[in-house]
Amino acid sequence: MAVLLGAIAVLALLVQSAQNHFGVLQPQQALEAGPAAYPRYATDQDGRKVTLPNPTQRVASQYWSIDETLYSVLPPGHIVGVSRYAYNPATSNVLRFAEAYHPVVTADAESVLAVAPDLLLVSSSARADLTDLLRNAGVPTFRMFTDYRTLDQIAENITLTGYLTGHDAVAGQARDEFKRAIQRAAARKPAGAASPRVLGYSGKYSYGERTSFSDVLRVLGAVNVAAEHGLQGYDAINTEQILRWNPEWLISRADPGETEATLRRLISDPAIAATIAAQKKQILVLENRVFLPMSPFTANLLDILAEAFYGRSAKS
């Protein structure tokens, strides 16, 4: 039963990631930020002005990419609540912190109220009824934009997290490190090199224009084959389409320990086996925790893809 529940949780995250990260996307609202001195305030995605009288000491999250951003900015002891994905070894980049500090899983209003956070961060896709219930119960609740289309939006949320929590300096360092990872990846393409033609493929789905995966490929100087053929957001494709599009690289994902099995399953399909990607052995299967993040941990994906496409840099 535990294995089944774990599999269901991973599937839910993958679907949620696909929809919010790569699927039907909403434009980010311009957020009004207040002064650096306290009390601080900011206007969230609901248009609500959230006032913070002091730097936070107890912060909770209800969304996996917010979990990862918080642990990149705050002392781990200040994080008292996380999404259930923080504890999932198949997807979490912050498992070591969760297991060491034991924040509660903020699955419902009762769990949030039990830890009494002085700030709760929820996703732009969070249920409105739960968010309203917690606000009415007196929990300072800020709805953050999480439907990322670009890496710059991830960087902006790092800065916003620092402002909301009072950890501006650490957030600035985390943002600068993330921006350096973007610049480092962009610089890896040799002058005059052809742009690799890349297709992201997850189960039966691919990642078209207006997705963060597409922006990763843009930074790397690669062509997003799905976007080239008119795909918008996250949408289903079949292996016959993959053969017609004939990518030079195919990037997919798997649970830990399943990358080789996933690779074998992909190349066992006759259509995929006939692609340039398969013939050149340029099918790359990454663990979900590398492929999926929409947080500072996206830097790992940038580095791995840059090395795959262009080889090791002189500093590697």
Protein backbone atom coordinates (compact mmCIF):
# COMPACT_ATOMS: atom_id res chain seq x y z
CA MET A 1 0.00 0.00 0.00
CA ALA A 2 2.84 2.44 0.83
CA VAL A 3 4.41 1.82 -2.58
CA LEU A 4 1.07 2.43 -4.29
CA LEU A 5 0.49 5.67 -2.40
CA GLY A 6 3.99 6.82 -3.27
CA ALA A 7 3.38 6.09 -6.94
CA ILE A 8 0.10 8.01 -6.84
CA ALA A 9 1.83 10.99 -5.23
CA VAL A 10 4.54 11.02 -7.91
CA LEU A 11 1.94 10.77 -10.66
CA ALA A 12 0.00 13.66 -9.15
CA LEU A 13 3.14 15.78 -9.06
CA LEU A 14 3.98 14.95 -12.67
CA VAL A 15 0.48 15.88 -13.82
CA GLN A 16 0.53 19.05 -11.72
CA SER A 17 3.97 19.91 -13.05
CA ALA A 18 2.84 19.32 -16.60
CA GLN A 19 -0.24 21.48 -16.23
CA ASN A 20 1.35 24.34 -14.29
CA HIS A 21 4.85 24.19 -15.70
CA PHE A 22 4.17 23.28 -19.30
CA GLY A 23 0.43 23.44 -19.87
CA VAL A 24 -2.33 26.03 -19.65
CA LEU A 25 -0.46 29.05 -18.40
CA GLN A 26 -1.70 32.29 -16.91
CA PRO A 27 0.10 35.60 -17.26
CA GLN A 28 2.02 36.73 -14.22
CA GLN A 29 0.52 39.78 -12.59
CA ALA A 30 2.73 42.74 -11.83
CA LEU A 31 3.31 42.61 -8.09
CA GLU A 32 3.41 45.73 -5.99
CA ALA A 33 6.27 45.56 -3.50
CA GLY A 34 6.55 47.88 -0.57
CA PRO A 35 9.49 49.39 1.33
CA ALA A 36 12.55 47.55 2.59
CA ALA A 37 11.81 48.71 6.14
CA TYR A 38 9.15 47.01 8.24
CA PRO A 39 6.27 46.72 8.06
CA ARG A 40 6.68 45.30 4.57
CA TYR A 41 3.87 44.57 2.15
CA ALA A 42 3.36 43.01 -1.26
CA THR A 43 0.36 42.38 -3.48
CA ASP A 44 -0.09 38.76 -4.48
CA GLN A 45 -1.63 36.95 -7.45
CA ASP A 46 -5.13 37.43 -6.06
CA GLY A 47 -4.57 41.17 -5.88
CA ARG A 48 -4.49 41.02 -2.09
CA LYS A 49 -2.10 43.21 -0.16
CA VAL A 50 -0.26 41.11 2.43
CA THR A 51 1.41 43.03 5.27
CA LEU A 52 4.37 41.58 7.19
CA PRO A 53 5.12 43.44 10.42
CA ASN A 54 8.46 41.71 11.07
CA PRO A 55 10.93 39.29 9.43
CA THR A 56 9.41 35.83 9.41
CA GLN A 57 10.40 33.12 11.84
CA ARG A 58 7.92 30.39 10.84
CA VAL A 59 7.18 29.93 7.14
CA ALA A 60 5.06 27.25 5.50
CA SER A 61 4.65 26.21 1.87
CA GLN A 62 1.96 24.23 0.09
CA TYR A 63 3.73 23.76 -3.26
CA TRP A 64 6.79 21.80 -4.28
CA SER A 65 8.65 24.49 -6.25
CA ILE A 66 8.05 26.93 -3.38
CA ASP A 67 9.51 24.33 -0.98
CA GLU A 68 12.71 24.25 -3.02
CA THR A 69 12.96 28.02 -3.26
CA LEU A 70 12.41 28.43 0.49
CA TYR A 71 15.20 25.97 1.32
CA SER A 72 17.48 27.94 -1.01
CA VAL A 73 16.82 31.16 0.91
CA LEU A 74 15.82 30.46 4.53
CA PRO A 75 17.52 28.67 7.41
CA PRO A 76 15.87 25.24 7.29
CA GLY A 77 14.68 25.54 10.88
CA HIS A 78 12.47 28.48 9.86
CA ILE A 79 10.44 26.29 7.48
CA VAL A 80 7.66 24.67 9.51
CA GLY A 81 5.47 23.34 6.71
CA VAL A 82 6.03 21.91 3.23
CA SER A 83 4.15 20.09 0.50
CA ARG A 84 4.14 16.30 0.61
CA TYR A 85 6.58 16.24 -2.33
CA ALA A 86 9.39 17.52 -0.11
CA TYR A 87 9.43 14.05 1.47
CA ASN A 88 9.22 12.13 -1.81
CA PRO A 89 12.65 10.73 -2.80
CA ALA A 90 11.52 10.36 -6.41
CA THR A 91 11.04 14.09 -6.88
CA SER A 92 12.44 16.08 -3.96
CA ASN A 93 15.61 18.12 -4.05
CA VAL A 94 15.12 19.06 -0.39
CA LEU A 95 14.53 15.63 1.13
CA ARG A 96 17.62 15.88 3.37
CA PHE A 97 16.27 19.07 4.96
CA ALA A 98 12.77 17.67 5.40
CA GLU A 99 14.07 14.53 7.06
CA ALA A 100 16.44 16.50 9.30
CA TYR A 101 13.98 19.21 10.45
CA HIS A 102 10.61 17.42 10.11
CA PRO A 103 8.33 20.22 8.88
CA VAL A 104 4.69 19.19 8.77
CA VAL A 105 2.99 18.37 5.49
CA THR A 106 0.54 21.23 4.93
CA ALA A 107 -2.08 19.10 3.20
CA ASP A 108 -5.09 20.82 4.77
CA ALA A 109 -6.17 23.77 6.86
CA GLU A 110 -5.81 21.88 10.13
CA SER A 111 -2.15 21.07 9.52
CA VAL A 112 -1.40 24.68 8.64
CA LEU A 113 -3.18 26.05 11.69
CA ALA A 114 -1.38 23.53 13.92
CA VAL A 115 2.05 24.99 13.09
CA ALA A 116 0.82 28.63 13.18
CA PRO A 117 3.08 30.08 10.47
CA ASP A 118 3.68 33.79 10.32
CA LEU A 119 3.65 33.41 6.52
CA LEU A 120 2.09 30.78 4.27
CA LEU A 121 3.13 30.68 0.60
CA VAL A 122 0.72 28.99 -1.81
CA SER A 123 0.79 28.45 -5.55
CA SER A 124 -1.12 30.47 -8.11
CA SER A 125 -2.89 27.17 -8.86
CA ALA A 126 -3.92 26.51 -5.23
CA ARG A 127 -7.56 25.98 -4.32
CA ALA A 128 -9.25 29.31 -3.62
CA ASP A 129 -11.54 27.91 -0.92
CA LEU A 130 -8.63 26.61 1.16
CA THR A 131 -6.69 29.83 0.71
CA ASP A 132 -9.68 31.93 1.76
CA LEU A 133 -10.31 29.70 4.78
CA LEU A 134 -6.74 30.17 6.01
CA ARG A 135 -6.84 33.93 5.43
CA ASN A 136 -10.07 34.17 7.37
CA ALA A 137 -8.43 32.18 10.18
CA GLY A 138 -5.75 34.86 10.43
CA VAL A 139 -2.89 33.11 8.61
CA PRO A 140 -0.91 35.62 6.49
CA THR A 141 -1.22 33.91 3.11
CA PHE A 142 0.52 34.97 -0.09
CA ARG A 143 -0.36 33.41 -3.45
CA MET A 144 2.81 33.22 -5.55
CA PHE A 145 3.02 32.94 -9.31
CA THR A 146 4.26 29.42 -10.12
CA ASP A 147 3.17 28.88 -13.73
CA TYR A 148 6.63 29.56 -15.06
CA ARG A 149 7.27 30.13 -18.75
CA THR A 150 10.77 31.53 -18.38
CA LEU A 151 13.84 31.13 -16.22
CA ASP A 152 13.68 34.85 -15.43
CA GLN A 153 10.36 34.25 -13.65
CA ILE A 154 12.06 31.69 -11.42
CA ALA A 155 14.77 34.23 -10.62
CA GLU A 156 12.13 36.87 -9.82
CA ASN A 157 10.45 34.55 -7.34
CA ILE A 158 13.76 33.93 -5.56
CA THR A 159 14.01 37.68 -4.97
CA LEU A 160 10.35 37.89 -3.93
CA THR A 161 10.83 35.04 -1.45
CA GLY A 162 13.69 36.95 0.13
CA TYR A 163 11.60 40.11 0.40
CA LEU A 164 8.60 38.34 1.91
CA THR A 165 10.66 36.48 4.50
CA GLY A 166 13.21 39.19 5.34
CA HIS A 167 16.14 37.17 3.94
CA ASP A 168 16.98 39.57 1.14
CA ALA A 169 20.74 39.09 1.21
CA VAL A 170 20.65 35.29 0.97
CA ALA A 171 17.96 35.50 -1.71
CA GLY A 172 20.14 37.90 -3.64
CA GLN A 173 23.00 35.44 -3.49
CA ALA A 174 20.74 32.57 -4.58
CA ARG A 175 19.36 34.62 -7.46
CA ASP A 176 22.86 35.66 -8.55
CA GLU A 177 24.00 32.04 -8.46
CA PHE A 178 20.99 30.99 -10.52
CA LYS A 179 21.61 33.76 -13.07
CA ARG A 180 25.26 32.70 -13.30
CA ALA A 181 24.10 29.15 -14.05
CA ILE A 182 21.98 30.51 -16.89
CA GLN A 183 24.89 32.55 -18.23
CA ARG A 184 27.27 29.61 -17.87
CA ALA A 185 24.92 27.35 -19.81
CA ALA A 186 24.39 29.95 -22.53
CA ALA A 187 28.15 30.34 -22.96
CA ARG A 188 28.74 26.62 -23.51
CA LYS A 189 27.65 26.63 -27.16
CA PRO A 190 30.78 27.02 -29.34
CA ALA A 191 30.84 29.94 -31.74
CA GLY A 192 29.47 28.90 -35.10
CA ALA A 193 28.10 25.58 -33.81
CA ALA A 194 24.82 24.35 -35.26
CA SER A 195 21.80 24.48 -32.97
CA PRO A 196 20.90 20.98 -31.74
CA ARG A 197 17.30 20.00 -32.52
CA VAL A 198 15.82 18.77 -29.24
CA LEU A 199 12.52 17.19 -28.26
CA GLY A 200 11.38 16.88 -24.67
CA TYR A 201 9.23 13.79 -24.22
CA SER A 202 7.48 12.78 -21.01
CA GLY A 203 5.28 9.72 -21.24
CA LYS A 204 3.00 10.63 -24.13
CA TYR A 205 3.54 14.36 -23.87
CA SER A 206 5.95 16.99 -25.13
CA TYR A 207 6.79 20.60 -24.29
CA GLY A 208 6.03 23.28 -26.84
CA GLU A 209 6.25 27.05 -26.94
CA ARG A 210 5.46 29.03 -23.77
CA THR A 211 6.98 26.46 -21.42
CA SER A 212 9.96 26.72 -19.12
CA PHE A 213 11.53 23.71 -20.87
CA SER A 214 11.39 25.67 -24.10
CA ASP A 215 13.13 28.56 -22.36
CA VAL A 216 15.85 26.20 -21.14
CA LEU A 217 16.46 25.17 -24.76
CA ARG A 218 16.48 28.82 -25.85
CA VAL A 219 19.17 29.62 -23.28
CA LEU A 220 21.22 26.66 -24.52
CA GLY A 221 20.98 27.79 -28.14
CA ALA A 222 18.97 24.71 -29.09
CA VAL A 223 15.86 24.33 -31.25
CA ASN A 224 12.70 23.13 -29.51
CA VAL A 225 11.39 20.67 -32.10
CA ALA A 226 7.90 20.59 -30.56
CA ALA A 227 7.61 24.39 -30.70
CA GLU A 228 9.04 24.34 -34.24
CA HIS A 229 6.04 22.22 -35.23
CA GLY A 230 3.49 24.48 -33.57
CA LEU A 231 3.00 22.80 -30.20
CA GLN A 232 1.85 25.21 -27.51
CA GLY A 233 2.27 24.38 -23.83
CA TYR A 234 2.22 20.75 -22.72
CA ASP A 235 0.39 18.46 -25.12
CA ALA A 236 0.16 14.86 -26.24
CA ILE A 237 2.13 13.56 -29.20
CA ASN A 238 2.62 10.06 -30.62
CA THR A 239 5.77 8.25 -31.65
CA GLU A 240 4.90 8.57 -35.34
CA GLN A 241 5.07 12.34 -34.89
CA ILE A 242 8.43 11.94 -33.19
CA LEU A 243 9.73 10.06 -36.21
CA ARG A 244 8.39 12.69 -38.63
CA TRP A 245 9.94 15.46 -36.57
CA ASN A 246 13.14 13.39 -36.31
CA PRO A 247 14.94 15.18 -33.43
CA GLU A 248 18.69 14.97 -32.96
CA TRP A 249 18.20 14.75 -29.19
CA LEU A 250 15.37 13.25 -27.17
CA ILE A 251 15.17 14.24 -23.49
CA SER A 252 12.94 12.24 -21.15
CA ARG A 253 12.53 11.54 -17.44
CA ALA A 254 12.25 8.66 -14.99
CA ASP A 255 12.10 7.82 -11.29
CA PRO A 256 15.41 7.13 -9.51
CA GLY A 257 16.84 3.80 -10.61
CA GLU A 258 14.56 3.65 -13.66
CA THR A 259 16.60 5.66 -16.18
CA GLU A 260 18.10 2.63 -17.96
CA ALA A 261 14.76 0.81 -18.10
CA THR A 262 13.10 3.94 -19.48
CA LEU A 263 15.80 4.29 -22.11
CA ARG A 264 15.34 0.66 -23.18
CA ARG A 265 11.59 1.16 -23.37
CA LEU A 266 12.00 4.23 -25.58
CA ILE A 267 14.37 2.64 -28.06
CA SER A 268 12.23 -0.49 -28.23
CA ASP A 269 9.63 1.59 -30.06
CA PRO A 270 10.37 1.23 -33.80
CA ALA A 271 9.48 4.85 -34.57
CA ILE A 272 11.77 6.25 -31.87
CA ALA A 273 14.51 3.77 -32.80
CA ALA A 274 14.53 5.18 -36.35
CA THR A 275 15.17 8.78 -35.25
CA ILE A 276 18.52 10.52 -35.51
CA ALA A 277 18.48 10.80 -31.71
CA ALA A 278 18.37 7.03 -31.29
CA GLN A 279 20.82 6.29 -34.09
CA LYS A 280 23.35 8.72 -32.61
CA LYS A 281 22.66 7.47 -29.07
CA GLN A 282 21.44 10.93 -28.11
CA ILE A 283 18.46 9.94 -26.00
CA LEU A 284 19.00 11.31 -22.51
CA VAL A 285 16.83 10.10 -19.61
CA LEU A 286 17.09 12.20 -16.46
CA GLU A 287 15.72 11.58 -13.00
CA ASN A 288 12.52 13.49 -12.22
CA ARG A 289 14.24 15.61 -9.58
CA VAL A 290 16.60 16.90 -12.30
CA PHE A 291 14.06 17.20 -15.10
CA LEU A 292 11.07 18.67 -13.23
CA PRO A 293 12.27 21.49 -10.92
CA MET A 294 10.96 25.03 -11.34
CA SER A 295 13.25 26.49 -8.70
CA PRO A 296 16.93 27.30 -8.18
CA PHE A 297 17.53 23.57 -8.74
CA THR A 298 16.77 24.08 -12.44
CA ALA A 299 20.45 25.02 -12.63
CA ASN A 300 21.24 21.29 -12.54
CA LEU A 301 19.18 20.71 -15.69
CA LEU A 302 20.95 23.57 -17.47
CA ASP A 303 24.39 22.21 -16.62
CA ILE A 304 23.57 18.62 -17.60
CA LEU A 305 22.00 19.53 -20.93
CA ALA A 306 24.79 21.98 -21.78
CA GLU A 307 27.39 19.28 -21.19
CA ALA A 308 25.38 16.72 -23.20
CA PHE A 309 24.97 19.02 -26.19
CA TYR A 310 28.39 20.67 -26.23
CA GLY A 311 30.75 18.58 -24.12
CA ARG A 312 32.67 19.52 -21.02
CA SER A 313 33.82 23.09 -20.65
CA ALA A 314 37.44 23.91 -19.98
CA LYS A 315 36.59 24.44 -16.29
CA SER A 316 34.74 21.12 -15.88
